[in-house]
Amino acid sequence: MSYAFEVEGLVKKFGRTTALAGIDLHARPGSVLGVLGPNGAGKTTAIRILATLVRPDRGRATVCGLDVVRDAARVRRIVGLTGQYATVDEDLTGTENLVLIGKLLDLTGARATARASDLLDRFGLADAAGRRASTYSGGMRRRLDLAASLVGDPQVVFLDEPTTGLDPGKREDLWQTIRALADGGATVLLTTQYMEEADALADEITVIDHGRVIAHDTPAGLKQLVGGQTVVVRPKDPAQLGTAAEVATRTTGRTIERAHGGVLTVPVDGEHAFTEIVRGLDAAGVAVAELALRLPSLDEVFFSLTGHRTDETQ
């Protein structure tokens, strides 16, 4: 299979610290690969190598078939990068920032201006196009930074925690942009600390810890690693929580995992058990405000795999 980017046995050390200890990564064209890991796991180092900013000590990395060391100049022409912190020039306006990037990519003045206008409109910055970036809010700078990475219409886009600092509404807007990139044929490598973000966007997820890949699968596949499904029941009348628990226990023969705050959770073996619980609750006269069959969350997956949360430092 031909991958949009591929990493094999990548090793990188900084002094005595091993940032990457032989990782493998790959993504199909037009897909989103989510890379998860706690702070210090090696996510940013992997992106910096793929973007030709850092040379690996050992291993191999290619982007669209181009070696990131031997063909670094050509790789830079076809990739876009948004780092963890916005890097826009605060003395320039929004338009001037993007036009400058366009000219550095050898676009004509007219083409660079047109591209800047299109991107500013796409990211909701058209009204602020003539203002200096120093007057932008943190979220606006973040969006301008991402727009700058797309000026060259890259084939592969590296996004290192791109929604950090954005409010939920702007984060969802950015999600739509990332989905549109992949739908348009671009390949995206996304690192994030937000599990719901990876769940919403990633076609496949690679989990890194201590510089090593410890899991790789689709979001649904990773959730299956933790265990089976669970049923969540919230009775309309909290006083009926005990009755609901009795129904769930009798129906499944399983121990209730959690029963507090008016909600109970019970592990089940497939959809059949869910149907039986629904029937049992109806027969017992328990009206429900919430009733769901769900897989483990990616937060639970990550904790199960690594023993810590994504935002814990090493």
C-alpha atoms as a PDB file:
ATOM      1  CA  MET A   1       0.000   0.000   0.000  1.00  0.00           C
ATOM      2  CA  SER A   2       1.201   3.533  -0.804  1.00  0.00           C
ATOM      3  CA  TYR A   3       1.080   5.774   2.264  1.00  0.00           C
ATOM      4  CA  ALA A   4       0.937   9.565   2.349  1.00  0.00           C
ATOM      5  CA  PHE A   5       3.595   9.463   5.039  1.00  0.00           C
ATOM      6  CA  GLU A   6       5.428   6.577   6.645  1.00  0.00           C
ATOM      7  CA  VAL A   7       7.806   6.242   9.579  1.00  0.00           C
ATOM      8  CA  GLU A   8       9.823   3.105  10.294  1.00  0.00           C
ATOM      9  CA  GLY A   9      12.006   2.511  13.343  1.00  0.00           C
ATOM     10  CA  LEU A  10      12.429   6.202  14.114  1.00  0.00           C
ATOM     11  CA  VAL A  11      14.867   6.971  16.924  1.00  0.00           C
ATOM     12  CA  LYS A  12      15.719  10.392  18.326  1.00  0.00           C
ATOM     13  CA  LYS A  13      17.672  11.256  21.463  1.00  0.00           C
ATOM     14  CA  PHE A  14      18.352  14.604  23.084  1.00  0.00           C
ATOM     15  CA  GLY A  15      21.348  14.051  25.323  1.00  0.00           C
ATOM     16  CA  ARG A  16      20.413  11.264  27.716  1.00  0.00           C
ATOM     17  CA  THR A  17      16.708  11.623  26.976  1.00  0.00           C
ATOM     18  CA  THR A  18      15.213   9.263  24.416  1.00  0.00           C
ATOM     19  CA  ALA A  19      12.335  11.075  22.750  1.00  0.00           C
ATOM     20  CA  LEU A  20      11.613   8.325  20.205  1.00  0.00           C
ATOM     21  CA  ALA A  21      12.671   4.727  20.698  1.00  0.00           C
ATOM     22  CA  GLY A  22      11.917   3.180  17.308  1.00  0.00           C
ATOM     23  CA  ILE A  23       8.356   4.162  16.422  1.00  0.00           C
ATOM     24  CA  ASP A  24       6.390   3.235  13.289  1.00  0.00           C
ATOM     25  CA  LEU A  25       3.651   5.491  11.883  1.00  0.00           C
ATOM     26  CA  HIS A  26       1.738   5.596   8.619  1.00  0.00           C
ATOM     27  CA  ALA A  27      -1.404   7.079   7.129  1.00  0.00           C
ATOM     28  CA  ARG A  28      -3.362   6.506   3.956  1.00  0.00           C
ATOM     29  CA  PRO A  29      -3.930   9.431   1.560  1.00  0.00           C
ATOM     30  CA  GLY A  30      -7.013  11.445   2.463  1.00  0.00           C
ATOM     31  CA  SER A  31      -7.197  10.153   6.039  1.00  0.00           C
ATOM     32  CA  VAL A  32      -6.716  11.579   9.516  1.00  0.00           C
ATOM     33  CA  LEU A  33      -4.242   9.817  11.815  1.00  0.00           C
ATOM     34  CA  GLY A  34      -4.630  10.750  15.462  1.00  0.00           C
ATOM     35  CA  VAL A  35      -1.504  10.415  17.597  1.00  0.00           C
ATOM     36  CA  LEU A  36      -2.209  10.306  21.320  1.00  0.00           C
ATOM     37  CA  GLY A  37       0.177  10.304  24.236  1.00  0.00           C
ATOM     38  CA  PRO A  38       0.975  12.125  27.464  1.00  0.00           C
ATOM     39  CA  ASN A  39       3.217  15.153  27.496  1.00  0.00           C
ATOM     40  CA  GLY A  40       6.758  14.021  26.778  1.00  0.00           C
ATOM     41  CA  ALA A  41       5.697  10.877  24.920  1.00  0.00           C
ATOM     42  CA  GLY A  42       7.411  11.946  21.661  1.00  0.00           C
ATOM     43  CA  LYS A  43       4.470  13.212  19.596  1.00  0.00           C
ATOM     44  CA  THR A  44       5.925  16.620  18.792  1.00  0.00           C
ATOM     45  CA  THR A  45       9.351  15.158  18.034  1.00  0.00           C
ATOM     46  CA  ALA A  46       7.789  12.812  15.474  1.00  0.00           C
ATOM     47  CA  ILE A  47       6.005  15.722  13.789  1.00  0.00           C
ATOM     48  CA  ARG A  48       9.158  17.846  13.735  1.00  0.00           C
ATOM     49  CA  ILE A  49      11.062  15.024  12.021  1.00  0.00           C
ATOM     50  CA  LEU A  50       8.329  14.548   9.428  1.00  0.00           C
ATOM     51  CA  ALA A  51       8.285  18.309   8.816  1.00  0.00           C
ATOM     52  CA  THR A  52      12.110  18.267   8.282  1.00  0.00           C
ATOM     53  CA  LEU A  53      12.779  20.459  11.330  1.00  0.00           C
ATOM     54  CA  VAL A  54      14.740  17.760  13.174  1.00  0.00           C
ATOM     55  CA  ARG A  55      16.940  14.975  11.782  1.00  0.00           C
ATOM     56  CA  PRO A  56      16.372  11.479  13.169  1.00  0.00           C
ATOM     57  CA  ASP A  57      19.239   9.544  14.732  1.00  0.00           C
ATOM     58  CA  ARG A  58      18.086   6.287  13.173  1.00  0.00           C
ATOM     59  CA  GLY A  59      15.165   5.016  11.144  1.00  0.00           C
ATOM     60  CA  ARG A  60      13.399   6.242   8.052  1.00  0.00           C
ATOM     61  CA  ALA A  61      10.606   8.730   7.357  1.00  0.00           C
ATOM     62  CA  THR A  62       8.985   9.586   4.038  1.00  0.00           C
ATOM     63  CA  VAL A  63       6.257  12.009   2.964  1.00  0.00           C
ATOM     64  CA  CYS A  64       4.561  11.241  -0.362  1.00  0.00           C
ATOM     65  CA  GLY A  65       7.486   8.965  -1.138  1.00  0.00           C
ATOM     66  CA  LEU A  66      10.117  11.640  -0.415  1.00  0.00           C
ATOM     67  CA  ASP A  67      12.751  11.017   2.227  1.00  0.00           C
ATOM     68  CA  VAL A  68      12.588  13.740   4.896  1.00  0.00           C
ATOM     69  CA  VAL A  69      16.397  13.919   5.115  1.00  0.00           C
ATOM     70  CA  ARG A  70      17.561  13.503   1.502  1.00  0.00           C
ATOM     71  CA  ASP A  71      14.586  15.358  -0.028  1.00  0.00           C
ATOM     72  CA  ALA A  72      13.945  17.889   2.737  1.00  0.00           C
ATOM     73  CA  ALA A  73      13.464  20.889   0.432  1.00  0.00           C
ATOM     74  CA  ARG A  74      10.894  19.051  -1.692  1.00  0.00           C
ATOM     75  CA  VAL A  75       9.071  17.775   1.400  1.00  0.00           C
ATOM     76  CA  ARG A  76       8.662  21.337   2.709  1.00  0.00           C
ATOM     77  CA  ARG A  77       6.839  22.251  -0.501  1.00  0.00           C
ATOM     78  CA  ILE A  78       4.078  19.716   0.051  1.00  0.00           C
ATOM     79  CA  VAL A  79       3.466  19.865   3.801  1.00  0.00           C
ATOM     80  CA  GLY A  80       1.809  22.291   6.176  1.00  0.00           C
ATOM     81  CA  LEU A  81       2.593  22.546   9.890  1.00  0.00           C
ATOM     82  CA  THR A  82       0.748  24.062  12.812  1.00  0.00           C
ATOM     83  CA  GLY A  83       2.683  23.750  16.052  1.00  0.00           C
ATOM     84  CA  GLN A  84       1.475  23.864  19.630  1.00  0.00           C
ATOM     85  CA  TYR A  85       1.809  27.648  19.801  1.00  0.00           C
ATOM     86  CA  ALA A  86       0.777  30.280  17.272  1.00  0.00           C
ATOM     87  CA  THR A  87       3.776  31.691  15.392  1.00  0.00           C
ATOM     88  CA  VAL A  88       2.220  34.566  13.456  1.00  0.00           C
ATOM     89  CA  ASP A  89       4.009  37.908  13.064  1.00  0.00           C
ATOM     90  CA  GLU A  90       2.172  40.237  15.429  1.00  0.00           C
ATOM     91  CA  ASP A  91       3.377  43.378  13.641  1.00  0.00           C
ATOM     92  CA  LEU A  92       1.627  42.316  10.416  1.00  0.00           C
ATOM     93  CA  THR A  93      -2.083  42.222   9.660  1.00  0.00           C
ATOM     94  CA  GLY A  94      -3.904  38.963   9.083  1.00  0.00           C
ATOM     95  CA  THR A  95      -3.756  39.462   5.349  1.00  0.00           C
ATOM     96  CA  GLU A  96      -0.076  40.460   5.400  1.00  0.00           C
ATOM     97  CA  ASN A  97       0.837  37.341   7.375  1.00  0.00           C
ATOM     98  CA  LEU A  98      -0.757  35.035   4.814  1.00  0.00           C
ATOM     99  CA  VAL A  99       0.448  36.968   1.773  1.00  0.00           C
ATOM    100  CA  LEU A 100       4.005  36.800   3.125  1.00  0.00           C
ATOM    101  CA  ILE A 101       3.741  33.013   3.420  1.00  0.00           C
ATOM    102  CA  GLY A 102       2.340  32.841  -0.102  1.00  0.00           C
ATOM    103  CA  LYS A 103       5.228  34.832  -1.566  1.00  0.00           C
ATOM    104  CA  LEU A 104       7.729  32.639   0.285  1.00  0.00           C
ATOM    105  CA  LEU A 105       6.055  29.736  -1.500  1.00  0.00           C
ATOM    106  CA  ASP A 106       6.572  31.534  -4.844  1.00  0.00           C
ATOM    107  CA  LEU A 107       2.931  32.483  -5.388  1.00  0.00           C
ATOM    108  CA  THR A 108       2.391  35.623  -7.422  1.00  0.00           C
ATOM    109  CA  GLY A 109       1.224  38.685  -5.525  1.00  0.00           C
ATOM    110  CA  ALA A 110      -2.302  38.379  -6.915  1.00  0.00           C
ATOM    111  CA  ARG A 111      -2.475  34.662  -6.191  1.00  0.00           C
ATOM    112  CA  ALA A 112      -1.113  35.104  -2.661  1.00  0.00           C
ATOM    113  CA  THR A 113      -3.656  37.843  -1.948  1.00  0.00           C
ATOM    114  CA  ALA A 114      -6.533  35.764  -3.299  1.00  0.00           C
ATOM    115  CA  ARG A 115      -5.427  32.749  -1.278  1.00  0.00           C
ATOM    116  CA  ALA A 116      -5.130  34.879   1.864  1.00  0.00           C
ATOM    117  CA  SER A 117      -8.631  36.279   1.358  1.00  0.00           C
ATOM    118  CA  ASP A 118     -10.087  32.803   0.886  1.00  0.00           C
ATOM    119  CA  LEU A 119      -8.428  31.403   4.004  1.00  0.00           C
ATOM    120  CA  LEU A 120      -9.313  34.379   6.188  1.00  0.00           C
ATOM    121  CA  ASP A 121     -12.932  33.976   5.165  1.00  0.00           C
ATOM    122  CA  ARG A 122     -12.836  30.207   5.782  1.00  0.00           C
ATOM    123  CA  PHE A 123     -11.497  30.701   9.312  1.00  0.00           C
ATOM    124  CA  GLY A 124     -13.887  33.501  10.232  1.00  0.00           C
ATOM    125  CA  LEU A 125     -11.204  36.189  10.200  1.00  0.00           C
ATOM    126  CA  ALA A 126     -12.341  38.262   7.229  1.00  0.00           C
ATOM    127  CA  ASP A 127     -13.547  41.135   9.444  1.00  0.00           C
ATOM    128  CA  ALA A 128     -10.141  41.278  11.134  1.00  0.00           C
ATOM    129  CA  ALA A 129      -8.074  40.865   7.960  1.00  0.00           C
ATOM    130  CA  GLY A 130      -6.744  44.435   8.083  1.00  0.00           C
ATOM    131  CA  ARG A 131      -5.928  44.431  11.785  1.00  0.00           C
ATOM    132  CA  ARG A 132      -2.513  43.685  13.223  1.00  0.00           C
ATOM    133  CA  ALA A 133      -2.224  40.199  14.644  1.00  0.00           C
ATOM    134  CA  SER A 134      -1.156  41.745  17.968  1.00  0.00           C
ATOM    135  CA  THR A 135      -4.797  42.844  18.421  1.00  0.00           C
ATOM    136  CA  TYR A 136      -6.135  39.300  17.879  1.00  0.00           C
ATOM    137  CA  SER A 137      -7.385  37.136  20.717  1.00  0.00           C
ATOM    138  CA  GLY A 138      -5.584  33.885  21.447  1.00  0.00           C
ATOM    139  CA  GLY A 139      -8.189  31.895  19.527  1.00  0.00           C
ATOM    140  CA  MET A 140      -7.956  34.218  16.528  1.00  0.00           C
ATOM    141  CA  ARG A 141      -4.175  33.885  16.435  1.00  0.00           C
ATOM    142  CA  ARG A 142      -4.577  30.125  16.573  1.00  0.00           C
ATOM    143  CA  ARG A 143      -6.903  30.176  13.584  1.00  0.00           C
ATOM    144  CA  LEU A 144      -4.574  32.511  11.669  1.00  0.00           C
ATOM    145  CA  ASP A 145      -1.678  30.162  12.400  1.00  0.00           C
ATOM    146  CA  LEU A 146      -3.603  27.217  10.974  1.00  0.00           C
ATOM    147  CA  ALA A 147      -4.610  29.261   7.936  1.00  0.00           C
ATOM    148  CA  ALA A 148      -0.917  30.053   7.364  1.00  0.00           C
ATOM    149  CA  SER A 149      -0.113  26.331   7.236  1.00  0.00           C
ATOM    150  CA  LEU A 150      -2.648  25.890   4.413  1.00  0.00           C
ATOM    151  CA  VAL A 151      -1.524  28.720   2.132  1.00  0.00           C
ATOM    152  CA  GLY A 152       0.459  26.343  -0.070  1.00  0.00           C
ATOM    153  CA  ASP A 153      -2.472  23.901  -0.393  1.00  0.00           C
ATOM    154  CA  PRO A 154      -0.365  21.111   1.171  1.00  0.00           C
ATOM    155  CA  GLN A 155      -0.847  17.418   0.456  1.00  0.00           C
ATOM    156  CA  VAL A 156       0.012  16.498   4.057  1.00  0.00           C
ATOM    157  CA  VAL A 157      -0.837  18.629   7.097  1.00  0.00           C
ATOM    158  CA  PHE A 158       0.729  18.192  10.543  1.00  0.00           C
ATOM    159  CA  LEU A 159      -1.395  19.597  13.352  1.00  0.00           C
ATOM    160  CA  ASP A 160       0.212  19.548  16.791  1.00  0.00           C
ATOM    161  CA  GLU A 161      -2.604  20.109  19.294  1.00  0.00           C
ATOM    162  CA  PRO A 162      -4.256  22.687  17.005  1.00  0.00           C
ATOM    163  CA  THR A 163      -7.321  23.436  19.138  1.00  0.00           C
ATOM    164  CA  THR A 164      -5.518  24.197  22.398  1.00  0.00           C
ATOM    165  CA  GLY A 165      -6.941  27.406  23.848  1.00  0.00           C
ATOM    166  CA  LEU A 166     -10.028  27.513  21.623  1.00  0.00           C
ATOM    167  CA  ASP A 167     -13.516  27.705  23.077  1.00  0.00           C
ATOM    168  CA  PRO A 168     -15.864  24.784  22.253  1.00  0.00           C
ATOM    169  CA  GLY A 169     -17.603  26.633  19.421  1.00  0.00           C
ATOM    170  CA  LYS A 170     -14.380  27.577  17.636  1.00  0.00           C
ATOM    171  CA  ARG A 171     -13.031  24.081  18.265  1.00  0.00           C
ATOM    172  CA  GLU A 172     -15.999  22.586  16.427  1.00  0.00           C
ATOM    173  CA  ASP A 173     -15.446  25.041  13.560  1.00  0.00           C
ATOM    174  CA  LEU A 174     -11.854  23.875  13.339  1.00  0.00           C
ATOM    175  CA  TRP A 175     -12.974  20.244  13.377  1.00  0.00           C
ATOM    176  CA  GLN A 176     -15.097  20.954  10.326  1.00  0.00           C
ATOM    177  CA  THR A 177     -12.073  22.462   8.578  1.00  0.00           C
ATOM    178  CA  ILE A 178      -9.951  19.411   9.384  1.00  0.00           C
ATOM    179  CA  ARG A 179     -12.658  17.090   8.077  1.00  0.00           C
ATOM    180  CA  ALA A 180     -12.880  19.192   4.908  1.00  0.00           C
ATOM    181  CA  LEU A 181      -9.105  18.883   4.421  1.00  0.00           C
ATOM    182  CA  ALA A 182      -9.302  15.099   4.507  1.00  0.00           C
ATOM    183  CA  ASP A 183     -12.438  15.032   2.340  1.00  0.00           C
ATOM    184  CA  GLY A 184     -10.530  17.153  -0.174  1.00  0.00           C
ATOM    185  CA  GLY A 185      -7.738  14.576  -0.386  1.00  0.00           C
ATOM    186  CA  ALA A 186      -5.196  15.954   2.091  1.00  0.00           C
ATOM    187  CA  THR A 187      -3.719  13.681   4.734  1.00  0.00           C
ATOM    188  CA  VAL A 188      -3.696  14.934   8.321  1.00  0.00           C
ATOM    189  CA  LEU A 189      -1.556  13.916  11.281  1.00  0.00           C
ATOM    190  CA  LEU A 190      -3.261  15.235  14.397  1.00  0.00           C
ATOM    191  CA  THR A 191      -1.874  15.188  17.917  1.00  0.00           C
ATOM    192  CA  THR A 192      -4.298  16.164  20.634  1.00  0.00           C
ATOM    193  CA  GLN A 193      -4.959  16.048  24.357  1.00  0.00           C
ATOM    194  CA  TYR A 194      -8.722  15.961  23.762  1.00  0.00           C
ATOM    195  CA  MET A 195     -10.058  12.432  23.522  1.00  0.00           C
ATOM    196  CA  GLU A 196     -13.350  13.558  22.024  1.00  0.00           C
ATOM    197  CA  GLU A 197     -11.374  15.332  19.309  1.00  0.00           C
ATOM    198  CA  ALA A 198      -9.527  12.172  18.309  1.00  0.00           C
ATOM    199  CA  ASP A 199     -12.776  10.203  18.453  1.00  0.00           C
ATOM    200  CA  ALA A 200     -14.547  12.721  16.221  1.00  0.00           C
ATOM    201  CA  LEU A 201     -11.813  13.194  13.620  1.00  0.00           C
ATOM    202  CA  ALA A 202      -9.387  10.280  13.416  1.00  0.00           C
ATOM    203  CA  ASP A 203      -9.807   7.386  11.001  1.00  0.00           C
ATOM    204  CA  GLU A 204      -7.049   5.572  12.889  1.00  0.00           C
ATOM    205  CA  ILE A 205      -5.244   6.273  16.148  1.00  0.00           C
ATOM    206  CA  THR A 206      -1.691   5.529  17.246  1.00  0.00           C
ATOM    207  CA  VAL A 207      -0.937   5.682  20.959  1.00  0.00           C
ATOM    208  CA  ILE A 208       2.627   6.600  21.965  1.00  0.00           C
ATOM    209  CA  ASP A 209       4.128   6.362  25.441  1.00  0.00           C
ATOM    210  CA  HIS A 210       7.774   6.811  26.450  1.00  0.00           C
ATOM    211  CA  GLY A 211       8.778   7.138  22.805  1.00  0.00           C
ATOM    212  CA  ARG A 212       7.216   3.844  21.726  1.00  0.00           C
ATOM    213  CA  VAL A 213       4.019   2.886  19.933  1.00  0.00           C
ATOM    214  CA  ILE A 214       1.887   0.878  22.333  1.00  0.00           C
ATOM    215  CA  ALA A 215      -1.302   0.578  20.264  1.00  0.00           C
ATOM    216  CA  HIS A 216      -2.667   1.306  16.800  1.00  0.00           C
ATOM    217  CA  ASP A 217      -6.208   0.780  15.536  1.00  0.00           C
ATOM    218  CA  THR A 218      -9.415   2.541  14.616  1.00  0.00           C
ATOM    219  CA  PRO A 219     -11.165   4.371  17.487  1.00  0.00           C
ATOM    220  CA  ALA A 220     -13.704   1.546  17.723  1.00  0.00           C
ATOM    221  CA  GLY A 221     -10.957  -1.075  17.627  1.00  0.00           C
ATOM    222  CA  LEU A 222      -9.066   0.600  20.484  1.00  0.00           C
ATOM    223  CA  LYS A 223     -12.207   0.743  22.576  1.00  0.00           C
ATOM    224  CA  GLN A 224     -12.620  -2.996  22.196  1.00  0.00           C
ATOM    225  CA  LEU A 225      -9.198  -3.478  23.799  1.00  0.00           C
ATOM    226  CA  VAL A 226     -10.496  -2.248  27.140  1.00  0.00           C
ATOM    227  CA  GLY A 227     -13.453  -4.564  27.276  1.00  0.00           C
ATOM    228  CA  GLY A 228     -17.016  -5.013  26.198  1.00  0.00           C
ATOM    229  CA  GLN A 229     -19.958  -2.681  26.157  1.00  0.00           C
ATOM    230  CA  THR A 230     -21.776  -1.144  29.093  1.00  0.00           C
ATOM    231  CA  VAL A 231     -25.348  -0.042  29.621  1.00  0.00           C
ATOM    232  CA  VAL A 232     -25.990   3.296  31.323  1.00  0.00           C
ATOM    233  CA  VAL A 233     -29.377   3.820  33.008  1.00  0.00           C
ATOM    234  CA  ARG A 234     -30.683   7.021  34.604  1.00  0.00           C
ATOM    235  CA  PRO A 235     -34.231   6.588  36.003  1.00  0.00           C
ATOM    236  CA  LYS A 236     -36.499   9.618  35.827  1.00  0.00           C
ATOM    237  CA  ASP A 237     -37.227   9.076  39.510  1.00  0.00           C
ATOM    238  CA  PRO A 238     -33.926   8.731  41.430  1.00  0.00           C
ATOM    239  CA  ALA A 239     -35.779   6.690  44.042  1.00  0.00           C
ATOM    240  CA  GLN A 240     -36.100   3.898  41.444  1.00  0.00           C
ATOM    241  CA  LEU A 241     -32.335   3.526  41.051  1.00  0.00           C
ATOM    242  CA  GLY A 242     -32.361   0.465  43.318  1.00  0.00           C
ATOM    243  CA  THR A 243     -35.107  -1.183  41.279  1.00  0.00           C
ATOM    244  CA  ALA A 244     -33.226  -0.458  38.049  1.00  0.00           C
ATOM    245  CA  ALA A 245     -30.084  -1.983  39.564  1.00  0.00           C
ATOM    246  CA  GLU A 246     -31.990  -5.133  40.522  1.00  0.00           C
ATOM    247  CA  VAL A 247     -33.334  -5.446  36.965  1.00  0.00           C
ATOM    248  CA  ALA A 248     -29.893  -4.965  35.429  1.00  0.00           C
ATOM    249  CA  THR A 249     -28.239  -7.449  37.793  1.00  0.00           C
ATOM    250  CA  ARG A 250     -30.955 -10.079  37.315  1.00  0.00           C
ATOM    251  CA  THR A 251     -30.924  -9.680  33.533  1.00  0.00           C
ATOM    252  CA  THR A 252     -27.164  -9.768  33.009  1.00  0.00           C
ATOM    253  CA  GLY A 253     -25.881 -11.694  36.007  1.00  0.00           C
ATOM    254  CA  ARG A 254     -23.155  -9.032  36.203  1.00  0.00           C
ATOM    255  CA  THR A 255     -22.110  -6.771  39.047  1.00  0.00           C
ATOM    256  CA  ILE A 256     -23.096  -3.131  38.809  1.00  0.00           C
ATOM    257  CA  GLU A 257     -19.935  -1.119  38.105  1.00  0.00           C
ATOM    258  CA  ARG A 258     -21.248   2.218  39.312  1.00  0.00           C
ATOM    259  CA  ALA A 259     -24.496   3.355  40.878  1.00  0.00           C
ATOM    260  CA  HIS A 260     -24.357   6.928  42.121  1.00  0.00           C
ATOM    261  CA  GLY A 261     -25.643  10.350  41.200  1.00  0.00           C
ATOM    262  CA  GLY A 262     -28.862   8.799  39.972  1.00  0.00           C
ATOM    263  CA  VAL A 263     -27.026   6.756  37.303  1.00  0.00           C
ATOM    264  CA  LEU A 264     -26.009   3.102  37.153  1.00  0.00           C
ATOM    265  CA  THR A 265     -23.551   1.404  34.787  1.00  0.00           C
ATOM    266  CA  VAL A 266     -23.454  -2.326  34.137  1.00  0.00           C
ATOM    267  CA  PRO A 267     -21.190  -4.319  31.779  1.00  0.00           C
ATOM    268  CA  VAL A 268     -23.016  -6.375  29.138  1.00  0.00           C
ATOM    269  CA  ASP A 269     -22.163  -8.868  26.443  1.00  0.00           C
ATOM    270  CA  GLY A 270     -23.636  -7.366  23.302  1.00  0.00           C
ATOM    271  CA  GLU A 271     -26.856  -5.765  22.149  1.00  0.00           C
ATOM    272  CA  HIS A 272     -29.095  -8.664  23.270  1.00  0.00           C
ATOM    273  CA  ALA A 273     -28.493  -7.865  26.939  1.00  0.00           C
ATOM    274  CA  PHE A 274     -29.395  -4.218  26.272  1.00  0.00           C
ATOM    275  CA  THR A 275     -32.740  -5.295  24.796  1.00  0.00           C
ATOM    276  CA  GLU A 276     -33.445  -7.516  27.807  1.00  0.00           C
ATOM    277  CA  ILE A 277     -32.678  -4.670  30.217  1.00  0.00           C
ATOM    278  CA  VAL A 278     -35.074  -2.393  28.336  1.00  0.00           C
ATOM    279  CA  ARG A 279     -37.812  -5.020  28.629  1.00  0.00           C
ATOM    280  CA  GLY A 280     -37.057  -5.599  32.297  1.00  0.00           C
ATOM    281  CA  LEU A 281     -37.196  -1.916  33.134  1.00  0.00           C
ATOM    282  CA  ASP A 282     -40.504  -1.564  31.304  1.00  0.00           C
ATOM    283  CA  ALA A 283     -41.962  -4.571  33.130  1.00  0.00           C
ATOM    284  CA  ALA A 284     -40.819  -3.129  36.481  1.00  0.00           C
ATOM    285  CA  GLY A 285     -42.403   0.236  35.675  1.00  0.00           C
ATOM    286  CA  VAL A 286     -39.086   2.125  35.694  1.00  0.00           C
ATOM    287  CA  ALA A 287     -39.277   5.187  33.437  1.00  0.00           C
ATOM    288  CA  VAL A 288     -35.858   6.349  32.267  1.00  0.00           C
ATOM    289  CA  ALA A 289     -34.409   9.769  31.489  1.00  0.00           C
ATOM    290  CA  GLU A 290     -31.289   8.218  29.951  1.00  0.00           C
ATOM    291  CA  LEU A 291     -30.623   4.753  28.570  1.00  0.00           C
ATOM    292  CA  ALA A 292     -27.560   4.011  26.446  1.00  0.00           C
ATOM    293  CA  LEU A 293     -25.387   1.182  25.192  1.00  0.00           C
ATOM    294  CA  ARG A 294     -21.818   2.326  24.806  1.00  0.00           C
ATOM    295  CA  LEU A 295     -18.238   1.276  24.260  1.00  0.00           C
ATOM    296  CA  PRO A 296     -15.490   2.493  26.603  1.00  0.00           C
ATOM    297  CA  SER A 297     -14.403   6.083  26.005  1.00  0.00           C
ATOM    298  CA  LEU A 298     -10.984   6.868  24.560  1.00  0.00           C
ATOM    299  CA  ASP A 299     -10.108   8.336  27.969  1.00  0.00           C
ATOM    300  CA  GLU A 300     -10.678   4.901  29.478  1.00  0.00           C
ATOM    301  CA  VAL A 301      -8.711   3.285  26.657  1.00  0.00           C
ATOM    302  CA  PHE A 302      -5.775   5.606  27.188  1.00  0.00           C
ATOM    303  CA  PHE A 303      -5.746   5.103  30.934  1.00  0.00           C
ATOM    304  CA  SER A 304      -5.934   1.331  30.475  1.00  0.00           C
ATOM    305  CA  LEU A 305      -3.000   1.333  28.042  1.00  0.00           C
ATOM    306  CA  THR A 306      -0.694   3.765  29.823  1.00  0.00           C
ATOM    307  CA  GLY A 307      -1.834   3.946  33.429  1.00  0.00           C
ATOM    308  CA  HIS A 308      -2.130   7.727  33.276  1.00  0.00           C
ATOM    309  CA  ARG A 309      -4.157  10.488  31.663  1.00  0.00           C
ATOM    310  CA  THR A 310      -3.067  12.302  28.502  1.00  0.00           C
ATOM    311  CA  ASP A 311      -2.368  15.569  30.309  1.00  0.00           C
ATOM    312  CA  GLU A 312      -0.021  14.072  32.889  1.00  0.00           C
ATOM    313  CA  THR A 313       3.616  15.011  32.401  1.00  0.00           C
ATOM    314  CA  GLN A 314       6.396  12.459  32.451  1.00  0.00           C
END
